[in-house]
Amino acid sequence: MFVNGDEHEIDTKEITYARVVDLYLGQGGTPSNEYLVKYSHGPVENRSGTLAPGQKVKVKDGMRFRVAGTGES
């Protein structure tokens, strides 16, 4: 899977909002109180959409996540 263009290997079939944000911050992302997490190229159950705090989605190889700070506190 990819987070903002950087490839990551995970060993689970699902990923949480918090884990995606952790992966983003680990690659030098900008700390923020709120993030907008969008995904695409997902499995049939969730091909694309927005991941909110507290949610999780099924993942597959090649899935893409885009994380951006909302600028809100």
PDB file of N, CA and C in Angstrom:
ATOM      1  N   MET A   1       0.840  -1.186   0.000  1.00  0.00           N
ATOM      2  CA  MET A   1       0.000   0.000   0.000  1.00  0.00           C
ATOM      3  C   MET A   1       0.878   1.240   0.000  1.00  0.00           C
ATOM      4  N   PHE A   2       0.299   2.340  -0.385  1.00  0.00           N
ATOM      5  CA  PHE A   2       1.031   3.606  -0.482  1.00  0.00           C
ATOM      6  C   PHE A   2       0.354   4.669   0.376  1.00  0.00           C
ATOM      7  N   VAL A   3       1.160   5.463   1.070  1.00  0.00           N
ATOM      8  CA  VAL A   3       0.660   6.612   1.828  1.00  0.00           C
ATOM      9  C   VAL A   3       1.377   7.829   1.275  1.00  0.00           C
ATOM     10  N   ASN A   4       0.626   8.715   0.631  1.00  0.00           N
ATOM     11  CA  ASN A   4       1.178   9.912  -0.002  1.00  0.00           C
ATOM     12  C   ASN A   4       2.349   9.563  -0.914  1.00  0.00           C
ATOM     13  N   GLY A   5       2.225   8.465  -1.645  1.00  0.00           N
ATOM     14  CA  GLY A   5       3.221   8.079  -2.635  1.00  0.00           C
ATOM     15  C   GLY A   5       4.336   7.190  -2.123  1.00  0.00           C
ATOM     16  N   ASP A   6       4.486   7.067  -0.790  1.00  0.00           N
ATOM     17  CA  ASP A   6       5.532   6.207  -0.224  1.00  0.00           C
ATOM     18  C   ASP A   6       4.964   4.828   0.061  1.00  0.00           C
ATOM     19  N   GLU A   7       5.701   3.796  -0.356  1.00  0.00           N
ATOM     20  CA  GLU A   7       5.220   2.424  -0.199  1.00  0.00           C
ATOM     21  C   GLU A   7       5.452   1.911   1.219  1.00  0.00           C
ATOM     22  N   HIS A   8       4.454   1.187   1.733  1.00  0.00           N
ATOM     23  CA  HIS A   8       4.527   0.586   3.063  1.00  0.00           C
ATOM     24  C   HIS A   8       4.026  -0.844   2.989  1.00  0.00           C
ATOM     25  N   GLU A   9       4.673  -1.724   3.742  1.00  0.00           N
ATOM     26  CA  GLU A   9       4.227  -3.112   3.870  1.00  0.00           C
ATOM     27  C   GLU A   9       3.494  -3.244   5.195  1.00  0.00           C
ATOM     28  N   ILE A  10       2.311  -3.829   5.163  1.00  0.00           N
ATOM     29  CA  ILE A  10       1.604  -4.117   6.407  1.00  0.00           C
ATOM     30  C   ILE A  10       1.202  -5.578   6.386  1.00  0.00           C
ATOM     31  N   ASP A  11       1.059  -6.163   7.559  1.00  0.00           N
ATOM     32  CA  ASP A  11       0.762  -7.589   7.639  1.00  0.00           C
ATOM     33  C   ASP A  11      -0.646  -7.872   8.160  1.00  0.00           C
ATOM     34  N   THR A  12      -1.565  -6.946   7.923  1.00  0.00           N
ATOM     35  CA  THR A  12      -2.949  -7.130   8.332  1.00  0.00           C
ATOM     36  C   THR A  12      -3.865  -6.960   7.119  1.00  0.00           C
ATOM     37  N   LYS A  13      -5.090  -7.431   7.254  1.00  0.00           N
ATOM     38  CA  LYS A  13      -6.061  -7.332   6.167  1.00  0.00           C
ATOM     39  C   LYS A  13      -6.881  -6.045   6.240  1.00  0.00           C
ATOM     40  N   GLU A  14      -6.751  -5.331   7.367  1.00  0.00           N
ATOM     41  CA  GLU A  14      -7.444  -4.066   7.555  1.00  0.00           C
ATOM     42  C   GLU A  14      -6.465  -3.044   8.115  1.00  0.00           C
ATOM     43  N   ILE A  15      -6.797  -1.770   7.933  1.00  0.00           N
ATOM     44  CA  ILE A  15      -5.970  -0.712   8.509  1.00  0.00           C
ATOM     45  C   ILE A  15      -6.889   0.352   9.086  1.00  0.00           C
ATOM     46  N   THR A  16      -6.465   0.918  10.206  1.00  0.00           N
ATOM     47  CA  THR A  16      -7.253   1.954  10.864  1.00  0.00           C
ATOM     48  C   THR A  16      -6.803   3.338  10.426  1.00  0.00           C
ATOM     49  N   TYR A  17      -7.686   4.295  10.657  1.00  0.00           N
ATOM     50  CA  TYR A  17      -7.369   5.701  10.420  1.00  0.00           C
ATOM     51  C   TYR A  17      -6.079   6.073  11.155  1.00  0.00           C
ATOM     52  N   ALA A  18      -5.993   5.680  12.450  1.00  0.00           N
ATOM     53  CA  ALA A  18      -4.827   6.033  13.271  1.00  0.00           C
ATOM     54  C   ALA A  18      -3.537   5.468  12.684  1.00  0.00           C
ATOM     55  N   ARG A  19      -3.575   4.240  12.177  1.00  0.00           N
ATOM     56  CA  ARG A  19      -2.373   3.607  11.608  1.00  0.00           C
ATOM     57  C   ARG A  19      -1.929   4.332  10.343  1.00  0.00           C
ATOM     58  N   VAL A  20      -2.887   4.720   9.501  1.00  0.00           N
ATOM     59  CA  VAL A  20      -2.545   5.456   8.273  1.00  0.00           C
ATOM     60  C   VAL A  20      -1.876   6.781   8.645  1.00  0.00           C
ATOM     61  N   VAL A  21      -2.427   7.484   9.629  1.00  0.00           N
ATOM     62  CA  VAL A  21      -1.838   8.760  10.059  1.00  0.00           C
ATOM     63  C   VAL A  21      -0.443   8.527  10.635  1.00  0.00           C
ATOM     64  N   ASP A  22      -0.256   7.438  11.412  1.00  0.00           N
ATOM     65  CA  ASP A  22       1.076   7.117  11.946  1.00  0.00           C
ATOM     66  C   ASP A  22       2.078   6.897  10.820  1.00  0.00           C
ATOM     67  N   LEU A  23       1.679   6.169   9.788  1.00  0.00           N
ATOM     68  CA  LEU A  23       2.574   5.942   8.646  1.00  0.00           C
ATOM     69  C   LEU A  23       2.914   7.266   7.964  1.00  0.00           C
ATOM     70  N   TYR A  24       1.935   8.139   7.836  1.00  0.00           N
ATOM     71  CA  TYR A  24       2.142   9.462   7.236  1.00  0.00           C
ATOM     72  C   TYR A  24       3.138  10.279   8.059  1.00  0.00           C
ATOM     73  N   LEU A  25       2.964  10.315   9.376  1.00  0.00           N
ATOM     74  CA  LEU A  25       3.848  11.100  10.231  1.00  0.00           C
ATOM     75  C   LEU A  25       5.256  10.522  10.265  1.00  0.00           C
ATOM     76  N   GLY A  26       5.375   9.208  10.117  1.00  0.00           N
ATOM     77  CA  GLY A  26       6.674   8.556  10.108  1.00  0.00           C
ATOM     78  C   GLY A  26       7.524   8.933   8.909  1.00  0.00           C
ATOM     79  N   GLN A  27       6.896   9.441   7.859  1.00  0.00           N
ATOM     80  CA  GLN A  27       7.633   9.832   6.665  1.00  0.00           C
ATOM     81  C   GLN A  27       7.793  11.349   6.586  1.00  0.00           C
ATOM     82  N   GLY A  28       7.725  11.997   7.743  1.00  0.00           N
ATOM     83  CA  GLY A  28       7.963  13.436   7.775  1.00  0.00           C
ATOM     84  C   GLY A  28       6.723  14.282   7.564  1.00  0.00           C
ATOM     85  N   GLY A  29       5.557  13.699   7.793  1.00  0.00           N
ATOM     86  CA  GLY A  29       4.322  14.460   7.650  1.00  0.00           C
ATOM     87  C   GLY A  29       4.251  15.569   8.691  1.00  0.00           C
ATOM     88  N   THR A  30       3.430  16.550   8.444  1.00  0.00           N
ATOM     89  CA  THR A  30       3.283  17.681   9.342  1.00  0.00           C
ATOM     90  C   THR A  30       2.252  17.371  10.427  1.00  0.00           C
ATOM     91  N   PRO A  31       2.642  17.454  11.705  1.00  0.00           N
ATOM     92  CA  PRO A  31       1.669  17.199  12.775  1.00  0.00           C
ATOM     93  C   PRO A  31       0.502  18.169  12.699  1.00  0.00           C
ATOM     94  N   SER A  32      -0.688  17.664  12.934  1.00  0.00           N
ATOM     95  CA  SER A  32      -1.910  18.452  12.900  1.00  0.00           C
ATOM     96  C   SER A  32      -2.914  17.775  13.822  1.00  0.00           C
ATOM     97  N   ASN A  33      -3.899  18.500  14.273  1.00  0.00           N
ATOM     98  CA  ASN A  33      -4.918  17.900  15.133  1.00  0.00           C
ATOM     99  C   ASN A  33      -5.921  17.085  14.332  1.00  0.00           C
ATOM    100  N   GLU A  34      -6.090  17.397  13.084  1.00  0.00           N
ATOM    101  CA  GLU A  34      -7.073  16.718  12.253  1.00  0.00           C
ATOM    102  C   GLU A  34      -6.470  16.397  10.892  1.00  0.00           C
ATOM    103  N   TYR A  35      -6.823  15.238  10.375  1.00  0.00           N
ATOM    104  CA  TYR A  35      -6.350  14.824   9.056  1.00  0.00           C
ATOM    105  C   TYR A  35      -7.514  14.376   8.202  1.00  0.00           C
ATOM    106  N   LEU A  36      -7.402  14.630   6.933  1.00  0.00           N
ATOM    107  CA  LEU A  36      -8.332  14.103   5.949  1.00  0.00           C
ATOM    108  C   LEU A  36      -7.605  12.939   5.292  1.00  0.00           C
ATOM    109  N   VAL A  37      -8.186  11.740   5.389  1.00  0.00           N
ATOM    110  CA  VAL A  37      -7.574  10.546   4.818  1.00  0.00           C
ATOM    111  C   VAL A  37      -8.494  10.011   3.726  1.00  0.00           C
ATOM    112  N   LYS A  38      -8.020  10.057   2.494  1.00  0.00           N
ATOM    113  CA  LYS A  38      -8.763   9.515   1.354  1.00  0.00           C
ATOM    114  C   LYS A  38      -8.027   8.291   0.843  1.00  0.00           C
ATOM    115  N   TYR A  39      -8.773   7.329   0.299  1.00  0.00           N
ATOM    116  CA  TYR A  39      -8.140   6.130  -0.231  1.00  0.00           C
ATOM    117  C   TYR A  39      -8.749   5.748  -1.572  1.00  0.00           C
ATOM    118  N   SER A  40      -7.953   5.000  -2.353  1.00  0.00           N
ATOM    119  CA  SER A  40      -8.401   4.519  -3.656  1.00  0.00           C
ATOM    120  C   SER A  40      -7.683   3.210  -3.966  1.00  0.00           C
ATOM    121  N   HIS A  41      -8.087   2.550  -5.037  1.00  0.00           N
ATOM    122  CA  HIS A  41      -7.516   1.281  -5.474  1.00  0.00           C
ATOM    123  C   HIS A  41      -7.695   0.190  -4.415  1.00  0.00           C
ATOM    124  N   GLY A  42      -8.778   0.288  -3.638  1.00  0.00           N
ATOM    125  CA  GLY A  42      -9.042  -0.687  -2.591  1.00  0.00           C
ATOM    126  C   GLY A  42      -9.743  -1.927  -3.128  1.00  0.00           C
ATOM    127  N   PRO A  43     -10.008  -2.909  -2.242  1.00  0.00           N
ATOM    128  CA  PRO A  43     -10.713  -4.119  -2.643  1.00  0.00           C
ATOM    129  C   PRO A  43     -12.175  -3.823  -2.948  1.00  0.00           C
ATOM    130  N   VAL A  44     -12.888  -4.804  -3.425  1.00  0.00           N
ATOM    131  CA  VAL A  44     -14.292  -4.635  -3.816  1.00  0.00           C
ATOM    132  C   VAL A  44     -15.130  -4.027  -2.699  1.00  0.00           C
ATOM    133  N   GLU A  45     -14.870  -4.429  -1.448  1.00  0.00           N
ATOM    134  CA  GLU A  45     -15.667  -3.948  -0.316  1.00  0.00           C
ATOM    135  C   GLU A  45     -15.546  -2.443  -0.111  1.00  0.00           C
ATOM    136  N   ASN A  46     -14.429  -1.883  -0.450  1.00  0.00           N
ATOM    137  CA  ASN A  46     -14.202  -0.445  -0.280  1.00  0.00           C
ATOM    138  C   ASN A  46     -13.163   0.029  -1.296  1.00  0.00           C
ATOM    139  N   ARG A  47     -13.621   0.250  -2.514  1.00  0.00           N
ATOM    140  CA  ARG A  47     -12.705   0.660  -3.596  1.00  0.00           C
ATOM    141  C   ARG A  47     -12.089   2.023  -3.356  1.00  0.00           C
ATOM    142  N   SER A  48     -12.908   2.986  -2.913  1.00  0.00           N
ATOM    143  CA  SER A  48     -12.399   4.333  -2.656  1.00  0.00           C
ATOM    144  C   SER A  48     -13.325   5.025  -1.666  1.00  0.00           C
ATOM    145  N   GLY A  49     -12.779   6.065  -1.037  1.00  0.00           N
ATOM    146  CA  GLY A  49     -13.599   6.805  -0.084  1.00  0.00           C
ATOM    147  C   GLY A  49     -12.746   7.601   0.870  1.00  0.00           C
ATOM    148  N   THR A  50     -13.368   7.980   1.981  1.00  0.00           N
ATOM    149  CA  THR A  50     -12.707   8.760   3.015  1.00  0.00           C
ATOM    150  C   THR A  50     -12.712   7.956   4.301  1.00  0.00           C
ATOM    151  N   LEU A  51     -11.589   7.943   4.974  1.00  0.00           N
ATOM    152  CA  LEU A  51     -11.441   7.215   6.234  1.00  0.00           C
ATOM    153  C   LEU A  51     -11.471   8.230   7.369  1.00  0.00           C
ATOM    154  N   ALA A  52     -12.414   8.057   8.306  1.00  0.00           N
ATOM    155  CA  ALA A  52     -12.585   8.993   9.424  1.00  0.00           C
ATOM    156  C   ALA A  52     -11.967   8.423  10.696  1.00  0.00           C
ATOM    157  N   PRO A  53     -11.673   9.279  11.674  1.00  0.00           N
ATOM    158  CA  PRO A  53     -11.136   8.787  12.946  1.00  0.00           C
ATOM    159  C   PRO A  53     -12.036   7.695  13.530  1.00  0.00           C
ATOM    160  N   GLY A  54     -11.400   6.621  14.005  1.00  0.00           N
ATOM    161  CA  GLY A  54     -12.140   5.509  14.581  1.00  0.00           C
ATOM    162  C   GLY A  54     -12.567   4.445  13.579  1.00  0.00           C
ATOM    163  N   GLN A  55     -12.414   4.720  12.295  1.00  0.00           N
ATOM    164  CA  GLN A  55     -12.811   3.771  11.263  1.00  0.00           C
ATOM    165  C   GLN A  55     -11.620   2.934  10.801  1.00  0.00           C
ATOM    166  N   LYS A  56     -11.950   1.818  10.130  1.00  0.00           N
ATOM    167  CA  LYS A  56     -10.936   0.985   9.486  1.00  0.00           C
ATOM    168  C   LYS A  56     -11.489   0.484   8.167  1.00  0.00           C
ATOM    169  N   VAL A  57     -10.585   0.119   7.266  1.00  0.00           N
ATOM    170  CA  VAL A  57     -10.984  -0.402   5.956  1.00  0.00           C
ATOM    171  C   VAL A  57     -10.131  -1.611   5.613  1.00  0.00           C
ATOM    172  N   LYS A  58     -10.667  -2.457   4.756  1.00  0.00           N
ATOM    173  CA  LYS A  58      -9.901  -3.594   4.244  1.00  0.00           C
ATOM    174  C   LYS A  58      -8.858  -3.048   3.269  1.00  0.00           C
ATOM    175  N   VAL A  59      -7.677  -3.686   3.246  1.00  0.00           N
ATOM    176  CA  VAL A  59      -6.603  -3.232   2.363  1.00  0.00           C
ATOM    177  C   VAL A  59      -6.187  -4.335   1.403  1.00  0.00           C
ATOM    178  N   LYS A  60      -5.527  -3.921   0.328  1.00  0.00           N
ATOM    179  CA  LYS A  60      -4.951  -4.868  -0.631  1.00  0.00           C
ATOM    180  C   LYS A  60      -3.689  -4.260  -1.207  1.00  0.00           C
ATOM    181  N   ASP A  61      -2.886  -5.087  -1.857  1.00  0.00           N
ATOM    182  CA  ASP A  61      -1.665  -4.595  -2.487  1.00  0.00           C
ATOM    183  C   ASP A  61      -1.991  -3.491  -3.476  1.00  0.00           C
ATOM    184  N   GLY A  62      -1.207  -2.439  -3.459  1.00  0.00           N
ATOM    185  CA  GLY A  62      -1.392  -1.345  -4.400  1.00  0.00           C
ATOM    186  C   GLY A  62      -2.410  -0.301  -3.973  1.00  0.00           C
ATOM    187  N   MET A  63      -3.036  -0.511  -2.825  1.00  0.00           N
ATOM    188  CA  MET A  63      -4.010   0.468  -2.348  1.00  0.00           C
ATOM    189  C   MET A  63      -3.288   1.771  -2.041  1.00  0.00           C
ATOM    190  N   ARG A  64      -3.968   2.895  -2.270  1.00  0.00           N
ATOM    191  CA  ARG A  64      -3.350   4.203  -2.096  1.00  0.00           C
ATOM    192  C   ARG A  64      -4.126   5.046  -1.079  1.00  0.00           C
ATOM    193  N   PHE A  65      -3.376   5.685  -0.189  1.00  0.00           N
ATOM    194  CA  PHE A  65      -3.951   6.587   0.807  1.00  0.00           C
ATOM    195  C   PHE A  65      -3.317   7.959   0.635  1.00  0.00           C
ATOM    196  N   ARG A  66      -4.125   9.003   0.784  1.00  0.00           N
ATOM    197  CA  ARG A  66      -3.636  10.381   0.719  1.00  0.00           C
ATOM    198  C   ARG A  66      -4.048  11.057   2.021  1.00  0.00           C
ATOM    199  N   VAL A  67      -3.058  11.519   2.783  1.00  0.00           N
ATOM    200  CA  VAL A  67      -3.302  12.162   4.063  1.00  0.00           C
ATOM    201  C   VAL A  67      -2.955  13.635   3.943  1.00  0.00           C
ATOM    202  N   ALA A  68      -3.846  14.493   4.447  1.00  0.00           N
ATOM    203  CA  ALA A  68      -3.597  15.933   4.426  1.00  0.00           C
ATOM    204  C   ALA A  68      -4.144  16.534   5.720  1.00  0.00           C
ATOM    205  N   GLY A  69      -3.400  17.469   6.303  1.00  0.00           N
ATOM    206  CA  GLY A  69      -3.890  18.189   7.478  1.00  0.00           C
ATOM    207  C   GLY A  69      -5.021  19.111   7.054  1.00  0.00           C
ATOM    208  N   THR A  70      -6.055  19.183   7.885  1.00  0.00           N
ATOM    209  CA  THR A  70      -7.198  20.038   7.543  1.00  0.00           C
ATOM    210  C   THR A  70      -6.962  21.480   7.918  1.00  0.00           C
ATOM    211  N   GLY A  71      -5.959  21.720   8.796  1.00  0.00           N
ATOM    212  CA  GLY A  71      -5.682  23.084   9.232  1.00  0.00           C
ATOM    213  C   GLY A  71      -6.602  23.535  10.359  1.00  0.00           C
ATOM    214  N   GLU A  72      -7.492  22.636  10.811  1.00  0.00           N
ATOM    215  CA  GLU A  72      -8.396  22.963  11.913  1.00  0.00           C
ATOM    216  C   GLU A  72      -7.849  22.373  13.199  1.00  0.00           C
ATOM    217  N   SER A  73      -8.272  22.951  14.309  1.00  0.00           N
ATOM    218  CA  SER A  73      -7.838  22.423  15.609  1.00  0.00           C
ATOM    219  C   SER A  73      -8.982  21.768  16.345  1.00  0.00           C
TER     220      SER A  73
END
